[in-house]
């Protein structure tokens, strides 16, 4: 969240989440961070060499 906001100040980050992004869509940073978390999770599972990512080694 600090990269998107440009500061490490907690009060500024919380203040920016109080408003709305566009119309009724809230400005929570969850919408920014969810795709990043999904990519991180896939990469973390791939590093464990567990199915379905170890199919090349299984053959």
Protein backbone atom coordinates (compact mmCIF):
# COMPACT_ATOMS: atom_id res chain seq x y z
CA UNK A 1 0.00 0.00 0.00
CA UNK A 2 2.87 2.36 0.67
CA UNK A 3 4.03 2.16 -2.95
CA UNK A 4 0.60 3.12 -4.26
CA UNK A 5 0.22 5.96 -1.76
CA UNK A 6 3.80 7.18 -1.83
CA UNK A 7 4.24 7.44 1.94
CA UNK A 8 4.81 5.26 4.98
CA UNK A 9 2.63 7.40 7.24
CA UNK A 10 -0.18 5.29 8.68
CA UNK A 11 -2.44 8.29 9.13
CA UNK A 12 -2.09 9.22 5.44
CA UNK A 13 -2.75 5.65 4.29
CA UNK A 14 -5.85 5.36 6.47
CA UNK A 15 -7.02 8.79 5.36
CA UNK A 16 -6.83 7.83 1.71
CA UNK A 17 -8.92 4.71 2.32
CA UNK A 18 -11.79 6.71 3.83
CA UNK A 19 -12.98 8.19 0.53
CA UNK A 20 -14.45 6.59 -2.55
CA UNK A 21 -12.47 5.54 -5.62
CA UNK A 22 -15.15 6.21 -8.24
CA UNK A 23 -18.75 6.60 -7.26
CA UNK A 24 -19.87 3.76 -4.99
CA UNK A 25 -16.59 1.82 -5.24
CA UNK A 26 -14.68 2.17 -1.95
CA UNK A 27 -10.99 3.08 -2.03
CA UNK A 28 -9.78 0.13 0.05
CA UNK A 29 -6.31 -1.05 -0.82
CA UNK A 30 -7.65 -4.61 -0.87
CA UNK A 31 -8.53 -4.12 -4.53
CA UNK A 32 -4.92 -3.17 -5.31
CA UNK A 33 -3.30 -5.84 -3.19
CA UNK A 34 -5.50 -8.86 -4.01
CA UNK A 35 -3.96 -9.50 -7.49
CA UNK A 36 -0.46 -9.14 -6.02
CA UNK A 37 -1.28 -11.64 -3.28
CA UNK A 38 -2.63 -14.16 -5.81
CA UNK A 39 0.55 -13.90 -7.89
CA UNK A 40 2.66 -14.27 -4.73
CA UNK A 41 0.66 -17.32 -3.62
CA UNK A 42 1.05 -19.06 -6.99
CA UNK A 43 4.81 -18.38 -6.95
CA UNK A 44 5.12 -19.66 -3.37
CA UNK A 45 3.30 -22.90 -4.20
CA UNK A 46 5.41 -23.34 -7.34
CA UNK A 47 8.60 -23.09 -5.27
CA UNK A 48 7.55 -26.00 -3.05
CA UNK A 49 7.64 -28.37 -6.07
CA UNK A 50 4.24 -29.78 -5.21
CA UNK A 51 1.47 -30.67 -7.65
CA UNK A 52 0.45 -29.33 -10.11
CA UNK A 53 3.78 -27.53 -10.61
CA UNK A 54 6.10 -30.57 -10.47
CA UNK A 55 4.64 -32.36 -13.49
CA UNK A 56 7.84 -31.85 -15.50
CA UNK A 57 9.93 -33.62 -12.85
CA UNK A 58 7.38 -36.42 -12.47
CA UNK A 59 7.71 -37.57 -16.07
